[in-house]
Protein backbone atom coordinates (compact mmCIF):
# COMPACT_ATOMS: atom_id res chain seq x y z
CA UNK A 1 50.05 -29.81 27.55
CA UNK A 2 48.36 -28.20 24.55
CA UNK A 3 47.21 -24.60 24.93
CA UNK A 4 44.40 -22.81 23.14
CA UNK A 5 42.54 -19.51 23.08
CA UNK A 6 38.82 -18.72 23.10
CA UNK A 7 38.16 -16.30 20.26
CA UNK A 8 36.57 -12.86 20.90
CA UNK A 9 33.23 -14.15 19.68
CA UNK A 10 31.07 -12.97 22.60
CA UNK A 11 30.16 -9.40 23.53
CA UNK A 12 30.54 -6.08 21.76
CA UNK A 13 34.26 -6.58 21.17
CA UNK A 14 33.42 -9.57 18.96
CA UNK A 15 34.19 -8.22 15.48
CA UNK A 16 35.56 -9.88 12.36
CA UNK A 17 38.76 -7.88 12.80
CA UNK A 18 39.26 -8.98 16.42
CA UNK A 19 38.50 -12.63 15.66
CA UNK A 20 41.03 -12.83 12.84
CA UNK A 21 43.65 -10.82 14.69
CA UNK A 22 43.52 -13.14 17.71
CA UNK A 23 43.39 -16.32 15.61
CA UNK A 24 46.38 -15.33 13.50
CA UNK A 25 48.39 -14.18 16.50
CA UNK A 26 47.62 -17.39 18.37
CA UNK A 27 48.88 -19.33 15.36
CA UNK A 28 52.06 -17.25 15.21
CA UNK A 29 52.70 -17.79 18.93
CA UNK A 30 52.35 -21.56 18.58
CA UNK A 31 49.02 -22.07 20.32
CA UNK A 32 47.42 -25.37 19.40
CA UNK A 33 43.86 -24.19 18.94
CA UNK A 34 41.18 -21.51 18.97
CA UNK A 35 37.66 -22.10 20.30
CA UNK A 36 34.11 -20.78 20.03
CA UNK A 37 30.89 -21.41 21.94
CA UNK A 38 27.18 -21.40 21.14
CA UNK A 39 24.50 -19.16 22.60
CA UNK A 40 21.23 -18.70 20.68
CA UNK A 41 19.52 -15.93 22.65
CA UNK A 42 19.35 -13.88 25.85
CA UNK A 43 15.85 -14.45 27.29
CA UNK A 44 14.18 -11.49 28.99
CA UNK A 45 12.23 -13.77 31.34
CA UNK A 46 14.32 -16.94 31.61
CA UNK A 47 12.59 -20.16 32.56
CA UNK A 48 15.69 -21.58 34.21
CA UNK A 49 18.58 -19.91 36.10
CA UNK A 50 21.98 -19.77 34.48
CA UNK A 51 24.28 -22.30 36.22
CA UNK A 52 27.40 -20.17 35.81
CA UNK A 53 26.61 -17.30 38.21
CA UNK A 54 25.72 -17.26 41.93
CA UNK A 55 22.37 -15.53 41.37
CA UNK A 56 21.48 -17.46 38.22
CA UNK A 57 21.50 -14.40 35.95
CA UNK A 58 22.77 -14.71 32.40
CA UNK A 59 25.70 -12.31 31.85
CA UNK A 60 24.90 -9.29 29.67
CA UNK A 61 27.80 -10.24 27.43
CA UNK A 62 25.60 -13.02 26.04
CA UNK A 63 23.34 -10.45 24.40
CA UNK A 64 25.78 -10.50 21.49
CA UNK A 65 27.19 -13.84 20.33
CA UNK A 66 28.41 -14.67 16.84
CA UNK A 67 27.49 -18.01 15.29
CA UNK A 68 30.15 -20.62 16.10
CA UNK A 69 30.31 -22.50 12.79
CA UNK A 70 30.39 -19.40 10.61
CA UNK A 71 33.02 -17.85 12.90
CA UNK A 72 35.24 -20.92 12.61
CA UNK A 73 34.77 -21.06 8.85
CA UNK A 74 35.99 -17.48 8.63
CA UNK A 75 38.98 -18.32 10.83
CA UNK A 76 39.78 -21.44 8.81
CA UNK A 77 40.00 -19.36 5.65
CA UNK A 78 42.47 -16.94 7.26
CA UNK A 79 44.78 -19.40 9.06
CA UNK A 80 46.85 -22.40 8.04
CA UNK A 81 47.80 -24.67 10.93
CA UNK A 82 45.96 -23.82 14.14
CA UNK A 83 43.16 -26.16 15.12
CA UNK A 84 39.61 -24.82 15.37
CA UNK A 85 37.21 -26.06 18.04
CA UNK A 86 33.67 -25.78 19.38
CA UNK A 87 33.21 -25.70 23.16
CA UNK A 88 30.46 -26.31 22.99
CA UNK A 89 27.71 -26.78 20.40
CA UNK A 90 24.41 -27.93 21.90
CA UNK A 91 23.42 -30.84 19.69
CA UNK A 92 19.62 -30.82 20.22
CA UNK A 93 19.40 -27.33 18.69
CA UNK A 94 20.44 -28.88 15.36
CA UNK A 95 19.64 -31.86 13.15
CA UNK A 96 22.23 -34.56 12.40
CA UNK A 97 22.10 -34.41 8.61
CA UNK A 98 22.47 -30.62 8.39
CA UNK A 99 25.13 -30.34 11.10
CA UNK A 100 27.09 -33.28 9.67
CA UNK A 101 27.20 -31.53 6.30
CA UNK A 102 28.26 -28.20 7.82
CA UNK A 103 31.01 -29.65 9.98
CA UNK A 104 32.35 -32.02 7.33
CA UNK A 105 32.58 -29.06 4.96
CA UNK A 106 34.38 -27.07 7.67
CA UNK A 107 36.82 -29.92 8.20
CA UNK A 108 37.49 -30.01 4.45
CA UNK A 109 37.94 -26.24 4.20
CA UNK A 110 40.31 -26.21 7.17
CA UNK A 111 42.35 -29.16 5.95
CA UNK A 112 41.29 -31.41 8.81
CA UNK A 113 41.65 -29.03 11.77
CA UNK A 114 38.25 -29.32 13.47
CA UNK A 115 37.74 -30.34 17.11
CA UNK A 116 34.08 -30.89 17.94
CA UNK A 117 32.99 -30.24 21.53
CA UNK A 118 29.31 -30.96 22.22
CA UNK A 119 26.75 -30.66 24.99
CA UNK A 120 23.07 -30.97 25.79
CA UNK A 121 22.28 -27.34 26.57
CA UNK A 122 20.69 -26.13 29.80
CA UNK A 123 18.43 -23.28 28.59
CA UNK A 124 14.77 -24.20 28.24
CA UNK A 125 14.26 -20.92 26.37
CA UNK A 126 16.74 -21.96 23.69
CA UNK A 127 15.01 -25.31 23.37
CA UNK A 128 11.73 -23.48 22.77
CA UNK A 129 13.41 -21.19 20.23
CA UNK A 130 14.81 -24.17 18.31
CA UNK A 131 11.50 -26.07 18.50
CA UNK A 132 12.90 -29.03 20.44
CA UNK A 133 11.49 -30.77 23.53
CA UNK A 134 13.60 -30.21 26.65
CA UNK A 135 12.80 -33.63 28.11
CA UNK A 136 14.78 -36.71 27.06
CA UNK A 137 17.61 -34.50 25.82
CA UNK A 138 20.24 -36.98 26.98
CA UNK A 139 18.61 -39.75 24.99
CA UNK A 140 18.32 -37.35 22.06
CA UNK A 141 22.04 -36.49 22.18
CA UNK A 142 23.07 -40.15 22.27
CA UNK A 143 20.97 -40.85 19.21
CA UNK A 144 22.25 -37.71 17.48
CA UNK A 145 25.87 -38.80 17.90
CA UNK A 146 25.17 -42.27 16.52
CA UNK A 147 23.47 -40.78 13.47
CA UNK A 148 26.22 -38.18 13.04
CA UNK A 149 28.91 -40.85 12.97
CA UNK A 150 27.03 -42.80 10.32
CA UNK A 151 26.79 -39.68 8.18
CA UNK A 152 30.52 -39.08 8.53
CA UNK A 153 31.80 -42.62 8.05
CA UNK A 154 29.43 -44.61 5.84
CA UNK A 155 29.10 -44.39 2.05
CA UNK A 156 25.33 -44.92 2.16
CA UNK A 157 24.19 -44.05 5.70
CA UNK A 158 20.74 -44.92 6.99
CA UNK A 159 19.29 -44.28 10.44
CA UNK A 160 15.97 -45.05 12.06
CA UNK A 161 15.80 -43.81 15.63
CA UNK A 162 13.19 -42.50 18.01
CA UNK A 163 14.16 -38.86 17.50
CA UNK A 164 16.07 -38.82 14.19
CA UNK A 165 15.64 -40.59 10.89
CA UNK A 166 17.71 -40.67 7.74
CA UNK A 167 16.68 -42.45 4.53
CA UNK A 168 19.47 -44.47 2.94
CA UNK A 169 21.43 -41.83 1.08
CA UNK A 170 24.73 -40.68 -0.32
CA UNK A 171 25.95 -37.79 1.85
CA UNK A 172 29.17 -35.96 1.02
CA UNK A 173 31.67 -34.53 1.70
CA UNK A 174 33.15 -36.70 4.41
CA UNK A 175 35.49 -35.13 6.96
CA UNK A 176 39.20 -35.08 6.18
CA UNK A 177 39.97 -36.53 9.63
CA UNK A 178 39.34 -40.25 9.90
CA UNK A 179 37.14 -41.70 11.10
CA UNK A 180 35.84 -38.22 11.98
CA UNK A 181 36.85 -35.04 13.85
CA UNK A 182 37.55 -35.67 17.55
CA UNK A 183 34.37 -35.42 19.63
CA UNK A 184 34.59 -34.21 23.22
CA UNK A 185 31.53 -34.18 25.46
CA UNK A 186 30.63 -31.53 28.02
CA UNK A 187 28.54 -31.96 31.16
CA UNK A 188 28.79 -32.96 34.81
CA UNK A 189 26.74 -36.11 35.32
CA UNK A 190 27.69 -39.81 35.31
CA UNK A 191 25.75 -40.08 32.04
CA UNK A 192 28.06 -37.44 30.58
CA UNK A 193 31.15 -39.45 31.50
CA UNK A 194 29.64 -42.57 29.95
CA UNK A 195 28.76 -40.63 26.80
CA UNK A 196 32.27 -39.15 26.61
CA UNK A 197 33.97 -42.57 26.55
CA UNK A 198 31.41 -44.55 24.52
CA UNK A 199 30.17 -42.08 21.91
CA UNK A 200 32.91 -39.45 22.16
CA UNK A 201 36.67 -39.21 22.16
CA UNK A 202 36.96 -37.48 25.51
CA UNK A 203 35.64 -34.83 27.84
CA UNK A 204 35.17 -31.06 27.46
CA UNK A 205 34.94 -29.24 30.79
CA UNK A 206 35.32 -26.01 32.68
CA UNK A 207 38.51 -25.86 34.72
CA UNK A 208 38.00 -26.92 38.33
CA UNK A 209 39.83 -26.92 41.63
CA UNK A 210 42.60 -29.50 41.62
CA UNK A 211 40.77 -31.93 43.91
CA UNK A 212 37.59 -31.63 41.84
CA UNK A 213 39.52 -32.22 38.63
CA UNK A 214 41.16 -35.27 40.16
CA UNK A 215 37.75 -36.67 41.14
CA UNK A 216 36.36 -35.96 37.66
CA UNK A 217 39.27 -37.68 35.96
CA UNK A 218 38.88 -40.68 38.27
CA UNK A 219 35.20 -40.89 37.27
CA UNK A 220 36.19 -40.74 33.59
CA UNK A 221 38.75 -43.48 34.11
CA UNK A 222 36.12 -45.66 35.76
CA UNK A 223 33.71 -45.04 32.89
CA UNK A 224 36.44 -45.86 30.37
CA UNK A 225 37.25 -49.10 32.16
CA UNK A 226 33.59 -50.17 32.13
CA UNK A 227 33.42 -49.34 28.41
CA UNK A 228 36.72 -51.14 27.68
CA UNK A 229 38.12 -47.86 26.36
CA UNK A 230 41.78 -46.93 26.74
CA UNK A 231 41.73 -43.79 28.86
CA UNK A 232 45.12 -42.71 27.51
CA UNK A 233 43.59 -42.36 24.05
CA UNK A 234 40.95 -39.87 25.27
CA UNK A 235 41.19 -36.09 25.18
CA UNK A 236 40.46 -33.96 28.24
CA UNK A 237 39.93 -30.35 27.18
CA UNK A 238 39.28 -27.60 29.73
CA UNK A 239 38.13 -23.99 29.36
CA UNK A 240 39.92 -21.71 31.83
CA UNK A 241 39.40 -18.11 32.89
CA UNK A 242 42.90 -16.99 33.93
CA UNK A 243 43.46 -13.86 35.99
CA UNK A 244 46.99 -12.58 35.48
CA UNK A 245 48.48 -10.22 38.05
CA UNK A 246 51.87 -8.81 38.95
CA UNK A 247 51.65 -10.10 42.51
CA UNK A 248 51.33 -13.63 43.83
CA UNK A 249 47.81 -14.84 44.46
CA UNK A 250 48.86 -16.50 47.70
CA UNK A 251 48.35 -20.03 48.95
CA UNK A 252 44.55 -19.90 48.72
CA UNK A 253 44.35 -18.53 45.18
CA UNK A 254 42.16 -20.23 42.57
CA UNK A 255 43.92 -22.29 39.89
CA UNK A 256 45.26 -20.29 36.95
CA UNK A 257 45.23 -17.01 38.83
CA UNK A 258 48.19 -14.97 40.07
CA UNK A 259 51.51 -14.38 38.37
CA UNK A 260 52.39 -15.88 35.00
CA UNK A 261 54.83 -18.17 36.78
CA UNK A 262 52.12 -19.41 39.16
CA UNK A 263 49.73 -19.98 36.25
CA UNK A 264 52.37 -21.99 34.40
CA UNK A 265 52.93 -24.10 37.51
CA UNK A 266 49.18 -24.74 37.63
CA UNK A 267 49.17 -25.79 33.97
CA UNK A 268 51.86 -28.37 34.72
CA UNK A 269 49.87 -29.62 37.70
CA UNK A 270 46.74 -30.08 35.58
CA UNK A 271 48.83 -31.88 32.98
CA UNK A 272 50.07 -34.28 35.64
CA UNK A 273 46.45 -34.98 36.61
CA UNK A 274 45.63 -35.96 33.02
CA UNK A 275 44.31 -32.80 31.33
CA UNK A 276 45.48 -32.81 27.69
CA UNK A 277 44.53 -29.27 26.66
CA UNK A 278 43.61 -25.99 28.35
CA UNK A 279 42.24 -23.05 26.44
CA UNK A 280 42.16 -19.57 27.93
CA UNK A 281 38.96 -17.53 27.74
CA UNK A 282 39.25 -13.76 28.29
CA UNK A 283 35.79 -12.89 26.90
CA UNK A 284 34.38 -12.28 30.37
CA UNK A 285 37.10 -10.03 31.74
CA UNK A 286 35.74 -6.55 32.30
CA UNK A 287 37.33 -4.02 29.97
CA UNK A 288 39.03 -6.63 27.81
CA UNK A 289 40.36 -5.44 24.46
CA UNK A 290 42.13 -7.18 21.61
CA UNK A 291 45.37 -5.37 22.56
CA UNK A 292 45.13 -6.58 26.14
CA UNK A 293 44.33 -10.11 25.01
CA UNK A 294 47.36 -10.14 22.71
CA UNK A 295 49.52 -9.13 25.67
CA UNK A 296 48.07 -11.93 27.82
CA UNK A 297 48.65 -14.48 25.06
CA UNK A 298 52.26 -13.45 24.67
CA UNK A 299 52.97 -13.51 28.40
CA UNK A 300 51.46 -16.98 28.81
CA UNK A 301 53.76 -18.41 26.14
CA UNK A 302 56.91 -16.44 26.95
């Protein structure tokens, strides 16, 4: 099982100093990767409830979010071996030609360390802010990925789609990783699973209960079989929000909560189910500091 860390990129503790400190320490400890997410704005009168909280409110921490690509570029310049990942970038907020150039450059600068997690985005307000129609976003993402791959792999790419067009051109640099950086797809629908195995290299998810994860992996395996894709070649990356305590969480505890020993047992159980990488996100823990996060990182790898 590969382990990663979500960088302190969200909230008031997100500073250049904290980001680099955590990235370098993760590299020293032997973590496989560091990750960032994308949030454009915090709407005052949201058009759609946030799916991550019971009451649909967007956490206040999202009032301050650093740009994911610039953050990873900074980290790439200050580290040597640790992989750098997005979980996730919402493709419709961007255009294929510009994003392909940015990410290929990032892969070059990092020496081929980029992992690219993508999604559709759920916020209608962010769609408005980026001047993109909310409808047909699944169709738009499929087309985006096809265009993106052409930009990354062909010497003279050309694309003529419903949503995106590219005149026959020379577009460089190409990514260091061949044919391109690994693409993992986030979402929860059958269309997401199909996209993950046909246009992506795997799935990017939030950690779930063990039975839910088992069902999700079964759905991915079915989608891979239909697409004639070897499931064992796919990546399954999960964001987790561990809660470390001195005392046992008991039999009814949530996965990745409780003592360090219990959390490590859970990691092994997820690995047995088929998860290939888990990255720990402490951004949302109340009162989190870089010192506390360093302590958590060390305890989880001790």
